Amino acid sequence: MVLGYHVIFSTYGFWLPNDPRGSWSEFVGAWELFVAGGQATKTTESRSLAYDPHDRSKRLAVKRELARPPVKFTGIQARAVVHGFRDYVARTGLRVWACAIMPDHVHLVVERSSSPIERVVQRLKGAATHALIAENLHPFANLANPGELPPKCWARGEWKVFIFDAEHIASAIQYVENNPVKDGRPPQRWSFVTPYNPSAV
């Protein structure tokens, strides 16, 4: 039985559907990206592909074809994302065991809930976007027409790993908690994160 998930979702432009290292996408939605980088590079690998050897020049060439600059959250914007996640967790009771908010992607380890994980991620993105707009911190606020929402700052979809036992939950939590440290950043501690208790699952 699935006990939880390790999910990764990214900001706009971080990991493209035809990234040479592989992606979670089955198609390339923008013609310009397809011309520059070819078809989607869907993979079923569950390990991180971030540091795999690849054609870096090709990856960067495809990024230059994006309609908007890739999103990298500032520290203040990341704090607004935290506010959105916190409000969603308070509203729904979702149990989050680990969370790392990086400038261009998010790692979460969450308990299985009654909603599909894809819907949970979609709602978390929505809550974070709502907070960014409410705090006048949305990365594309200057591109919004009067009375309209700005372009999306999140990429479509998510990467998800199904977790079936306590050992792998603990391992995923450790991986997520170490993610900022590995990137030279301080550890992250968020009020909406619940310490993992195997007996409570």
N, C-alpha and C. Protein backbone atom coordinates (compact mmCIF):
# COMPACT_ATOMS: atom_id res chain seq x y z
N MET A 1 0.84 -1.19 0.00
CA MET A 1 0.00 0.00 0.00
C MET A 1 0.88 1.25 0.00
N VAL A 2 0.46 2.24 -0.77
CA VAL A 2 1.19 3.51 -0.81
C VAL A 2 0.96 4.27 0.50
N LEU A 3 2.06 4.63 1.17
CA LEU A 3 1.97 5.40 2.41
C LEU A 3 2.16 6.90 2.18
N GLY A 4 2.92 7.22 1.17
CA GLY A 4 3.19 8.64 0.91
C GLY A 4 3.87 8.83 -0.42
N TYR A 5 4.31 10.06 -0.66
CA TYR A 5 4.92 10.42 -1.94
C TYR A 5 6.07 11.40 -1.72
N HIS A 6 7.09 11.25 -2.54
CA HIS A 6 8.10 12.30 -2.69
C HIS A 6 7.78 12.97 -4.01
N VAL A 7 7.40 14.24 -3.96
CA VAL A 7 7.05 14.95 -5.19
C VAL A 7 8.00 16.12 -5.41
N ILE A 8 8.28 16.36 -6.67
CA ILE A 8 9.11 17.50 -7.08
C ILE A 8 8.34 18.25 -8.16
N PHE A 9 8.18 19.53 -7.97
CA PHE A 9 7.59 20.34 -9.04
C PHE A 9 8.40 21.62 -9.19
N SER A 10 8.41 22.14 -10.40
CA SER A 10 9.37 23.19 -10.71
C SER A 10 8.69 24.47 -11.17
N THR A 11 9.47 25.52 -11.16
CA THR A 11 9.01 26.80 -11.67
C THR A 11 9.10 26.80 -13.20
N TYR A 12 8.47 27.77 -13.79
CA TYR A 12 8.47 27.92 -15.25
C TYR A 12 9.91 27.99 -15.76
N GLY A 13 10.22 27.13 -16.73
CA GLY A 13 11.52 27.19 -17.39
C GLY A 13 12.64 26.43 -16.74
N PHE A 14 12.39 25.80 -15.58
CA PHE A 14 13.48 25.12 -14.88
C PHE A 14 13.88 23.82 -15.58
N TRP A 15 12.91 22.95 -15.81
CA TRP A 15 13.20 21.64 -16.41
C TRP A 15 12.23 21.44 -17.57
N LEU A 16 12.75 21.52 -18.77
CA LEU A 16 11.89 21.51 -19.96
C LEU A 16 11.53 20.09 -20.38
N PRO A 17 10.44 19.94 -21.14
CA PRO A 17 9.96 18.60 -21.50
C PRO A 17 10.93 17.80 -22.37
N ASN A 18 11.85 18.49 -23.05
CA ASN A 18 12.84 17.78 -23.86
C ASN A 18 14.25 17.98 -23.31
N ASP A 19 14.36 18.11 -21.99
CA ASP A 19 15.67 18.21 -21.35
C ASP A 19 16.50 16.97 -21.70
N PRO A 20 17.77 17.15 -22.11
CA PRO A 20 18.59 15.99 -22.49
C PRO A 20 18.77 14.96 -21.38
N ARG A 21 18.58 15.35 -20.13
CA ARG A 21 18.74 14.41 -19.02
C ARG A 21 17.50 13.55 -18.80
N GLY A 22 16.41 13.87 -19.50
CA GLY A 22 15.14 13.18 -19.28
C GLY A 22 14.15 14.12 -18.62
N SER A 23 12.87 13.79 -18.72
CA SER A 23 11.83 14.63 -18.12
C SER A 23 10.63 13.77 -17.77
N TRP A 24 9.64 14.38 -17.14
CA TRP A 24 8.41 13.64 -16.83
C TRP A 24 7.33 13.88 -17.87
N SER A 25 7.68 14.59 -18.95
CA SER A 25 6.69 14.97 -19.96
C SER A 25 6.65 13.98 -21.13
N GLU A 26 5.46 13.88 -21.72
CA GLU A 26 5.27 13.01 -22.88
C GLU A 26 5.19 13.79 -24.18
N PHE A 27 5.10 15.11 -24.10
CA PHE A 27 5.05 15.91 -25.32
C PHE A 27 5.63 17.30 -25.06
N VAL A 28 5.97 17.97 -26.13
CA VAL A 28 6.48 19.34 -26.07
C VAL A 28 5.39 20.25 -26.60
N GLY A 29 4.86 21.12 -25.75
CA GLY A 29 3.70 21.91 -26.12
C GLY A 29 3.99 23.13 -26.97
N ALA A 30 5.23 23.61 -26.95
CA ALA A 30 5.57 24.83 -27.70
C ALA A 30 6.41 24.47 -28.92
N TRP A 31 5.99 24.94 -30.08
CA TRP A 31 6.68 24.61 -31.32
C TRP A 31 8.14 25.06 -31.29
N GLU A 32 8.41 26.24 -30.74
CA GLU A 32 9.77 26.76 -30.69
C GLU A 32 10.69 25.84 -29.89
N LEU A 33 10.16 25.29 -28.78
CA LEU A 33 10.97 24.38 -27.97
C LEU A 33 11.21 23.06 -28.70
N PHE A 34 10.19 22.60 -29.44
CA PHE A 34 10.34 21.36 -30.20
C PHE A 34 11.41 21.52 -31.29
N VAL A 35 11.38 22.64 -32.00
CA VAL A 35 12.36 22.89 -33.06
C VAL A 35 13.77 22.94 -32.48
N ALA A 36 13.92 23.58 -31.33
CA ALA A 36 15.25 23.76 -30.73
C ALA A 36 15.77 22.49 -30.08
N GLY A 37 14.86 21.67 -29.50
CA GLY A 37 15.34 20.54 -28.71
C GLY A 37 14.75 19.19 -29.03
N GLY A 38 13.82 19.13 -29.99
CA GLY A 38 13.27 17.84 -30.36
C GLY A 38 12.13 17.40 -29.46
N GLN A 39 11.81 16.11 -29.55
CA GLN A 39 10.65 15.57 -28.84
C GLN A 39 10.92 15.43 -27.34
N ALA A 40 9.86 15.15 -26.60
CA ALA A 40 9.96 14.98 -25.15
C ALA A 40 10.88 13.82 -24.81
N THR A 41 11.53 13.93 -23.67
CA THR A 41 12.51 12.92 -23.25
C THR A 41 12.02 12.21 -21.99
N LYS A 42 10.79 11.73 -22.02
CA LYS A 42 10.17 11.12 -20.84
C LYS A 42 11.01 9.94 -20.34
N THR A 43 11.17 9.89 -19.03
CA THR A 43 11.89 8.80 -18.40
C THR A 43 11.09 8.29 -17.21
N THR A 44 11.35 7.05 -16.83
CA THR A 44 10.67 6.48 -15.66
C THR A 44 11.63 6.37 -14.47
N GLU A 45 12.82 6.94 -14.60
CA GLU A 45 13.80 6.90 -13.50
C GLU A 45 13.23 7.61 -12.28
N SER A 46 13.44 7.01 -11.09
CA SER A 46 12.98 7.66 -9.86
C SER A 46 14.10 8.41 -9.16
N ARG A 47 15.35 8.17 -9.55
CA ARG A 47 16.47 8.88 -8.93
C ARG A 47 16.62 10.27 -9.56
N SER A 48 17.39 11.13 -8.88
CA SER A 48 17.64 12.46 -9.42
C SER A 48 18.50 12.37 -10.67
N LEU A 49 18.11 13.13 -11.69
CA LEU A 49 18.87 13.19 -12.94
C LEU A 49 19.65 14.50 -13.07
N ALA A 50 19.57 15.34 -12.05
CA ALA A 50 20.08 16.70 -12.16
C ALA A 50 21.57 16.76 -12.50
N TYR A 51 22.34 15.81 -11.98
CA TYR A 51 23.79 15.88 -12.17
C TYR A 51 24.30 14.89 -13.22
N ASP A 52 23.39 14.30 -13.98
CA ASP A 52 23.80 13.37 -15.03
C ASP A 52 24.55 14.12 -16.14
N PRO A 53 25.59 13.51 -16.73
CA PRO A 53 26.25 14.12 -17.88
C PRO A 53 25.25 14.32 -19.02
N HIS A 54 25.33 15.46 -19.69
CA HIS A 54 24.39 15.73 -20.78
C HIS A 54 24.92 16.87 -21.64
N ASP A 55 24.24 17.12 -22.74
CA ASP A 55 24.62 18.19 -23.66
C ASP A 55 24.11 19.52 -23.09
N ARG A 56 24.95 20.17 -22.30
CA ARG A 56 24.53 21.40 -21.62
C ARG A 56 24.22 22.51 -22.62
N SER A 57 25.00 22.61 -23.69
CA SER A 57 24.78 23.68 -24.67
C SER A 57 23.41 23.52 -25.34
N LYS A 58 23.01 22.27 -25.58
CA LYS A 58 21.69 22.03 -26.17
C LYS A 58 20.59 22.43 -25.19
N ARG A 59 20.77 22.07 -23.92
CA ARG A 59 19.76 22.41 -22.91
C ARG A 59 19.59 23.93 -22.81
N LEU A 60 20.69 24.66 -22.80
CA LEU A 60 20.61 26.11 -22.68
C LEU A 60 20.06 26.75 -23.95
N ALA A 61 20.35 26.13 -25.11
CA ALA A 61 19.81 26.66 -26.37
C ALA A 61 18.29 26.57 -26.39
N VAL A 62 17.75 25.47 -25.86
CA VAL A 62 16.29 25.32 -25.80
C VAL A 62 15.70 26.36 -24.85
N LYS A 63 16.37 26.59 -23.72
CA LYS A 63 15.86 27.57 -22.75
C LYS A 63 15.77 28.98 -23.36
N ARG A 64 16.66 29.26 -24.29
CA ARG A 64 16.63 30.59 -24.91
C ARG A 64 15.38 30.81 -25.77
N GLU A 65 14.68 29.72 -26.08
CA GLU A 65 13.46 29.82 -26.89
C GLU A 65 12.20 30.01 -26.04
N LEU A 66 12.34 30.05 -24.73
CA LEU A 66 11.17 30.23 -23.87
C LEU A 66 10.51 31.58 -24.13
N ALA A 67 9.20 31.61 -23.97
CA ALA A 67 8.45 32.86 -24.18
C ALA A 67 8.75 33.89 -23.10
N ARG A 68 9.10 33.42 -21.92
CA ARG A 68 9.40 34.31 -20.79
C ARG A 68 10.66 33.82 -20.08
N PRO A 69 11.31 34.67 -19.30
CA PRO A 69 12.51 34.22 -18.59
C PRO A 69 12.17 33.11 -17.59
N PRO A 70 13.07 32.14 -17.40
CA PRO A 70 12.84 31.12 -16.37
C PRO A 70 12.66 31.78 -15.00
N VAL A 71 11.78 31.22 -14.19
CA VAL A 71 11.49 31.78 -12.87
C VAL A 71 12.48 31.25 -11.84
N LYS A 72 13.07 32.18 -11.10
CA LYS A 72 13.88 31.82 -9.93
C LYS A 72 13.38 32.68 -8.77
N PHE A 73 12.80 32.03 -7.77
CA PHE A 73 12.25 32.76 -6.64
C PHE A 73 13.36 33.42 -5.83
N THR A 74 13.11 34.65 -5.41
CA THR A 74 13.96 35.29 -4.41
C THR A 74 13.58 34.73 -3.04
N GLY A 75 14.35 35.08 -2.03
CA GLY A 75 14.01 34.63 -0.68
C GLY A 75 12.64 35.12 -0.23
N ILE A 76 12.31 36.37 -0.58
CA ILE A 76 11.01 36.93 -0.19
C ILE A 76 9.88 36.22 -0.93
N GLN A 77 10.08 35.91 -2.19
CA GLN A 77 9.06 35.17 -2.95
C GLN A 77 8.90 33.75 -2.39
N ALA A 78 10.00 33.13 -2.02
CA ALA A 78 9.93 31.79 -1.42
C ALA A 78 9.12 31.82 -0.13
N ARG A 79 9.27 32.91 0.62
CA ARG A 79 8.49 33.04 1.86
C ARG A 79 7.00 33.12 1.56
N ALA A 80 6.63 33.79 0.47
CA ALA A 80 5.22 33.84 0.07
C ALA A 80 4.72 32.45 -0.32
N VAL A 81 5.56 31.68 -1.00
CA VAL A 81 5.20 30.29 -1.33
C VAL A 81 4.94 29.51 -0.05
N VAL A 82 5.77 29.71 0.95
CA VAL A 82 5.57 29.06 2.26
C VAL A 82 4.21 29.44 2.82
N HIS A 83 3.84 30.70 2.74
CA HIS A 83 2.55 31.15 3.26
C HIS A 83 1.40 30.41 2.56
N GLY A 84 1.53 30.25 1.24
CA GLY A 84 0.50 29.52 0.50
C GLY A 84 0.41 28.07 0.93
N PHE A 85 1.55 27.41 1.05
CA PHE A 85 1.57 26.01 1.49
C PHE A 85 0.99 25.88 2.90
N ARG A 86 1.39 26.78 3.77
CA ARG A 86 0.91 26.75 5.16
C ARG A 86 -0.61 26.87 5.23
N ASP A 87 -1.16 27.79 4.44
CA ASP A 87 -2.61 27.98 4.44
C ASP A 87 -3.33 26.75 3.90
N TYR A 88 -2.76 26.15 2.85
CA TYR A 88 -3.38 24.95 2.27
C TYR A 88 -3.36 23.80 3.27
N VAL A 89 -2.24 23.60 3.94
CA VAL A 89 -2.13 22.52 4.93
C VAL A 89 -3.11 22.75 6.08
N ALA A 90 -3.23 24.00 6.53
CA ALA A 90 -4.16 24.31 7.62
C ALA A 90 -5.60 24.05 7.21
N ARG A 91 -5.93 24.33 5.94
CA ARG A 91 -7.29 24.14 5.44
C ARG A 91 -7.65 22.68 5.25
N THR A 92 -6.70 21.90 4.80
CA THR A 92 -7.00 20.53 4.35
C THR A 92 -6.55 19.44 5.31
N GLY A 93 -5.61 19.77 6.19
CA GLY A 93 -5.08 18.73 7.07
C GLY A 93 -4.05 17.84 6.41
N LEU A 94 -3.58 18.21 5.22
CA LEU A 94 -2.54 17.43 4.55
C LEU A 94 -1.33 17.31 5.47
N ARG A 95 -0.80 16.11 5.58
CA ARG A 95 0.37 15.90 6.43
C ARG A 95 1.63 15.96 5.56
N VAL A 96 2.44 16.98 5.81
CA VAL A 96 3.70 17.17 5.09
C VAL A 96 4.84 16.77 6.02
N TRP A 97 5.65 15.82 5.59
CA TRP A 97 6.76 15.33 6.41
C TRP A 97 8.08 16.03 6.12
N ALA A 98 8.20 16.61 4.95
CA ALA A 98 9.43 17.35 4.62
C ALA A 98 9.12 18.31 3.47
N CYS A 99 9.82 19.43 3.47
CA CYS A 99 9.62 20.42 2.41
C CYS A 99 10.92 21.20 2.21
N ALA A 100 11.33 21.32 0.96
CA ALA A 100 12.46 22.18 0.61
C ALA A 100 12.03 23.06 -0.56
N ILE A 101 12.08 24.36 -0.36
CA ILE A 101 11.70 25.31 -1.41
C ILE A 101 12.98 25.92 -1.95
N MET A 102 13.34 25.50 -3.15
CA MET A 102 14.54 25.99 -3.81
C MET A 102 14.15 27.13 -4.76
N PRO A 103 15.12 27.86 -5.29
CA PRO A 103 14.76 28.99 -6.17
C PRO A 103 13.94 28.58 -7.39
N ASP A 104 14.15 27.36 -7.90
CA ASP A 104 13.46 26.97 -9.13
C ASP A 104 12.71 25.65 -9.05
N HIS A 105 12.61 25.06 -7.88
CA HIS A 105 11.81 23.84 -7.72
C HIS A 105 11.51 23.59 -6.26
N VAL A 106 10.56 22.70 -6.03
CA VAL A 106 10.11 22.37 -4.67
C VAL A 106 10.16 20.86 -4.48
N HIS A 107 10.66 20.43 -3.32
CA HIS A 107 10.59 19.02 -2.91
C HIS A 107 9.62 18.91 -1.74
N LEU A 108 8.76 17.91 -1.77
CA LEU A 108 7.86 17.62 -0.66
C LEU A 108 7.80 16.12 -0.42
N VAL A 109 7.72 15.73 0.82
CA VAL A 109 7.34 14.35 1.18
C VAL A 109 6.03 14.47 1.93
N VAL A 110 4.98 13.86 1.39
CA VAL A 110 3.64 14.01 1.97
C VAL A 110 3.00 12.65 2.18
N GLU A 111 2.13 12.61 3.16
CA GLU A 111 1.35 11.40 3.42
C GLU A 111 0.27 11.23 2.35
N ARG A 112 -0.03 10.01 2.05
CA ARG A 112 -1.13 9.74 1.12
C ARG A 112 -2.42 10.31 1.70
N SER A 113 -3.22 10.94 0.86
CA SER A 113 -4.50 11.51 1.30
C SER A 113 -5.62 10.97 0.43
N SER A 114 -6.82 11.46 0.64
CA SER A 114 -7.96 10.99 -0.15
C SER A 114 -7.95 11.55 -1.57
N SER A 115 -7.15 12.59 -1.80
CA SER A 115 -7.06 13.19 -3.14
C SER A 115 -5.85 12.62 -3.88
N PRO A 116 -5.95 12.44 -5.20
CA PRO A 116 -4.78 12.01 -5.98
C PRO A 116 -3.64 13.00 -5.79
N ILE A 117 -2.43 12.49 -5.78
CA ILE A 117 -1.28 13.37 -5.53
C ILE A 117 -1.17 14.45 -6.60
N GLU A 118 -1.57 14.15 -7.82
CA GLU A 118 -1.52 15.17 -8.88
C GLU A 118 -2.41 16.36 -8.54
N ARG A 119 -3.57 16.08 -7.95
CA ARG A 119 -4.48 17.16 -7.57
C ARG A 119 -3.93 17.94 -6.37
N VAL A 120 -3.30 17.23 -5.44
CA VAL A 120 -2.70 17.89 -4.29
C VAL A 120 -1.63 18.88 -4.76
N VAL A 121 -0.78 18.44 -5.67
CA VAL A 121 0.27 19.32 -6.19
C VAL A 121 -0.34 20.53 -6.90
N GLN A 122 -1.35 20.27 -7.70
CA GLN A 122 -2.02 21.37 -8.42
C GLN A 122 -2.57 22.40 -7.44
N ARG A 123 -3.16 21.93 -6.36
CA ARG A 123 -3.73 22.85 -5.37
C ARG A 123 -2.65 23.58 -4.57
N LEU A 124 -1.55 22.90 -4.30
CA LEU A 124 -0.43 23.57 -3.62
C LEU A 124 0.14 24.68 -4.50
N LYS A 125 0.29 24.41 -5.78
CA LYS A 125 0.74 25.45 -6.71
C LYS A 125 -0.24 26.63 -6.70
N GLY A 126 -1.53 26.31 -6.72
CA GLY A 126 -2.54 27.36 -6.71
C GLY A 126 -2.50 28.20 -5.45
N ALA A 127 -2.30 27.53 -4.31
CA ALA A 127 -2.22 28.25 -3.03
C ALA A 127 -0.99 29.16 -2.99
N ALA A 128 0.13 28.65 -3.50
CA ALA A 128 1.35 29.45 -3.54
C ALA A 128 1.19 30.64 -4.48
N THR A 129 0.57 30.41 -5.63
CA THR A 129 0.33 31.50 -6.59
C THR A 129 -0.57 32.57 -5.98
N HIS A 130 -1.62 32.13 -5.29
CA HIS A 130 -2.53 33.07 -4.63
C HIS A 130 -1.76 33.95 -3.64
N ALA A 131 -0.86 33.33 -2.87
CA ALA A 131 -0.09 34.10 -1.89
C ALA A 131 0.88 35.06 -2.58
N LEU A 132 1.51 34.62 -3.65
CA LEU A 132 2.43 35.50 -4.39
C LEU A 132 1.70 36.72 -4.94
N ILE A 133 0.50 36.51 -5.47
CA ILE A 133 -0.29 37.63 -6.00
C ILE A 133 -0.75 38.54 -4.87
N ALA A 134 -1.24 37.95 -3.78
CA ALA A 134 -1.74 38.74 -2.65
C ALA A 134 -0.65 39.61 -2.04
N GLU A 135 0.60 39.11 -2.08
CA GLU A 135 1.71 39.85 -1.48
C GLU A 135 2.48 40.68 -2.52
N ASN A 136 1.88 40.80 -3.72
CA ASN A 136 2.49 41.59 -4.81
C ASN A 136 3.91 41.13 -5.13
N LEU A 137 4.09 39.80 -5.17
CA LEU A 137 5.42 39.24 -5.39
C LEU A 137 5.46 38.26 -6.57
N HIS A 138 4.38 38.19 -7.33
CA HIS A 138 4.37 37.22 -8.44
C HIS A 138 5.45 37.58 -9.46
N PRO A 139 6.27 36.61 -9.90
CA PRO A 139 7.37 36.90 -10.82
C PRO A 139 6.94 37.54 -12.14
N PHE A 140 5.72 37.25 -12.59
CA PHE A 140 5.24 37.79 -13.87
C PHE A 140 4.15 38.84 -13.68
N ALA A 141 4.12 39.48 -12.53
CA ALA A 141 3.08 40.49 -12.25
C ALA A 141 3.08 41.60 -13.30
N ASN A 142 4.27 41.96 -13.78
CA ASN A 142 4.36 43.06 -14.76
C ASN A 142 3.86 42.66 -16.14
N LEU A 143 3.59 41.37 -16.36
CA LEU A 143 3.09 40.91 -17.66
C LEU A 143 1.58 40.73 -17.68
N ALA A 144 0.94 40.96 -16.54
CA ALA A 144 -0.51 40.76 -16.45
C ALA A 144 -1.26 41.96 -17.00
N ASN A 145 -2.28 41.70 -17.80
CA ASN A 145 -3.16 42.76 -18.26
C ASN A 145 -4.06 43.20 -17.10
N PRO A 146 -4.53 44.44 -17.10
CA PRO A 146 -5.41 44.91 -16.01
C PRO A 146 -6.60 43.97 -15.82
N GLY A 147 -6.83 43.57 -14.57
CA GLY A 147 -7.96 42.71 -14.26
C GLY A 147 -7.75 41.25 -14.57
N GLU A 148 -6.57 40.87 -15.05
CA GLU A 148 -6.29 39.48 -15.39
C GLU A 148 -5.16 38.93 -14.53
N LEU A 149 -5.11 37.60 -14.43
CA LEU A 149 -4.03 36.95 -13.69
C LEU A 149 -2.75 36.97 -14.52
N PRO A 150 -1.59 36.99 -13.86
CA PRO A 150 -0.33 36.94 -14.61
C PRO A 150 -0.11 35.55 -15.20
N PRO A 151 0.80 35.41 -16.16
CA PRO A 151 1.14 34.08 -16.68
C PRO A 151 1.61 33.16 -15.55
N LYS A 152 1.44 31.88 -15.73
CA LYS A 152 1.79 30.92 -14.67
C LYS A 152 3.29 30.93 -14.39
N CYS A 153 3.61 30.88 -13.11
CA CYS A 153 5.03 30.84 -12.72
C CYS A 153 5.50 29.42 -12.43
N TRP A 154 4.57 28.46 -12.49
CA TRP A 154 4.92 27.04 -12.27
C TRP A 154 4.92 26.29 -13.59
N ALA A 155 5.79 25.31 -13.70
CA ALA A 155 5.76 24.41 -14.85
C ALA A 155 4.60 23.44 -14.69
N ARG A 156 4.17 22.87 -15.79
CA ARG A 156 3.09 21.89 -15.77
C ARG A 156 3.59 20.57 -15.16
N GLY A 157 2.72 19.93 -14.36
CA GLY A 157 3.00 18.58 -13.89
C GLY A 157 3.92 18.51 -12.68
N GLU A 158 4.38 17.32 -12.40
CA GLU A 158 5.23 17.05 -11.25
C GLU A 158 5.95 15.72 -11.47
N TRP A 159 7.00 15.53 -10.69
CA TRP A 159 7.70 14.24 -10.64
C TRP A 159 7.29 13.60 -9.33
N LYS A 160 6.85 12.37 -9.36
CA LYS A 160 6.38 11.74 -8.12
C LYS A 160 6.97 10.35 -7.96
N VAL A 161 7.32 10.05 -6.72
CA VAL A 161 7.81 8.72 -6.35
C VAL A 161 6.87 8.18 -5.29
N PHE A 162 6.32 6.99 -5.52
CA PHE A 162 5.42 6.36 -4.56
C PHE A 162 6.25 5.68 -3.47
N ILE A 163 5.86 5.87 -2.23
CA ILE A 163 6.61 5.31 -1.10
C ILE A 163 5.73 4.30 -0.36
N PHE A 164 6.29 3.11 -0.16
CA PHE A 164 5.49 2.00 0.36
C PHE A 164 5.86 1.56 1.78
N ASP A 165 6.95 2.08 2.35
CA ASP A 165 7.35 1.62 3.69
C ASP A 165 8.06 2.73 4.45
N ALA A 166 8.19 2.52 5.77
CA ALA A 166 8.75 3.53 6.66
C ALA A 166 10.20 3.84 6.34
N GLU A 167 10.95 2.82 5.94
CA GLU A 167 12.37 3.03 5.64
C GLU A 167 12.55 4.02 4.49
N HIS A 168 11.75 3.86 3.45
CA HIS A 168 11.88 4.75 2.30
C HIS A 168 11.29 6.14 2.56
N ILE A 169 10.31 6.22 3.46
CA ILE A 169 9.81 7.54 3.87
C ILE A 169 10.94 8.30 4.57
N ALA A 170 11.62 7.63 5.52
CA ALA A 170 12.71 8.27 6.25
C ALA A 170 13.83 8.70 5.30
N SER A 171 14.12 7.85 4.32
CA SER A 171 15.17 8.17 3.35
C SER A 171 14.79 9.38 2.50
N ALA A 172 13.52 9.45 2.06
CA ALA A 172 13.06 10.59 1.27
C ALA A 172 13.10 11.88 2.08
N ILE A 173 12.71 11.80 3.34
CA ILE A 173 12.74 12.97 4.22
C ILE A 173 14.17 13.49 4.35
N GLN A 174 15.10 12.58 4.58
CA GLN A 174 16.51 12.97 4.71
C GLN A 174 17.01 13.63 3.42
N TYR A 175 16.63 13.05 2.29
CA TYR A 175 17.06 13.61 1.00
C TYR A 175 16.54 15.04 0.83
N VAL A 176 15.26 15.24 1.14
CA VAL A 176 14.65 16.56 0.98
C VAL A 176 15.27 17.57 1.95
N GLU A 177 15.46 17.15 3.19
CA GLU A 177 16.05 18.07 4.18
C GLU A 177 17.48 18.45 3.82
N ASN A 178 18.20 17.54 3.16
CA ASN A 178 19.59 17.82 2.78
C ASN A 178 19.70 18.63 1.49
N ASN A 179 18.60 18.76 0.76
CA ASN A 179 18.65 19.41 -0.56
C ASN A 179 19.18 20.84 -0.50
N PRO A 180 18.65 21.69 0.39
CA PRO A 180 19.19 23.06 0.46
C PRO A 180 20.66 23.07 0.90
N VAL A 181 20.99 22.22 1.86
CA VAL A 181 22.36 22.18 2.39
C VAL A 181 23.34 21.80 1.29
N LYS A 182 22.95 20.81 0.49
CA LYS A 182 23.81 20.36 -0.62
C LYS A 182 24.04 21.48 -1.63
N ASP A 183 23.11 22.43 -1.68
CA ASP A 183 23.20 23.56 -2.60
C ASP A 183 23.87 24.77 -1.94
N GLY A 184 24.42 24.56 -0.74
CA GLY A 184 25.11 25.64 -0.05
C GLY A 184 24.19 26.60 0.68
N ARG A 185 22.97 26.17 0.96
CA ARG A 185 21.98 27.03 1.63
C ARG A 185 21.73 26.51 3.04
N PRO A 186 21.18 27.35 3.92
CA PRO A 186 20.88 26.87 5.28
C PRO A 186 19.75 25.86 5.28
N PRO A 187 19.69 24.99 6.29
CA PRO A 187 18.56 24.05 6.41
C PRO A 187 17.25 24.83 6.53
N GLN A 188 16.18 24.20 6.08
CA GLN A 188 14.86 24.84 6.12
C GLN A 188 13.98 24.15 7.16
N ARG A 189 13.29 24.94 7.95
CA ARG A 189 12.34 24.42 8.93
C ARG A 189 11.04 25.21 8.79
N TRP A 190 9.94 24.50 8.51
CA TRP A 190 8.67 25.17 8.27
C TRP A 190 7.62 24.70 9.27
N SER A 191 6.78 25.62 9.70
CA SER A 191 5.79 25.32 10.74
C SER A 191 4.74 24.32 10.27
N PHE A 192 4.51 24.22 8.97
CA PHE A 192 3.47 23.31 8.47
C PHE A 192 3.98 21.88 8.29
N VAL A 193 5.27 21.65 8.54
CA VAL A 193 5.84 20.31 8.42
C VAL A 193 5.65 19.55 9.73
N THR A 194 5.13 18.33 9.62
CA THR A 194 4.89 17.47 10.78
C THR A 194 6.00 16.42 10.86
N PRO A 195 6.68 16.28 12.00
CA PRO A 195 7.69 15.23 12.12
C PRO A 195 7.09 13.85 11.82
N TYR A 196 7.82 13.05 11.08
CA TYR A 196 7.32 11.73 10.69
C TYR A 196 7.28 10.80 11.90
N ASN A 197 6.13 10.17 12.10
CA ASN A 197 5.94 9.18 13.17
C ASN A 197 5.38 7.91 12.55
N PRO A 198 6.22 6.86 12.39
CA PRO A 198 5.76 5.64 11.71
C PRO A 198 4.51 5.03 12.32
N SER A 199 4.35 5.17 13.62
CA SER A 199 3.18 4.54 14.27
C SER A 199 1.89 5.29 13.98
N ALA A 200 2.00 6.52 13.45
CA ALA A 200 0.80 7.32 13.18
C ALA A 200 0.31 7.13 11.75
N VAL A 201 1.06 6.38 10.95
CA VAL A 201 0.68 6.20 9.54
C VAL A 201 -0.20 4.97 9.38
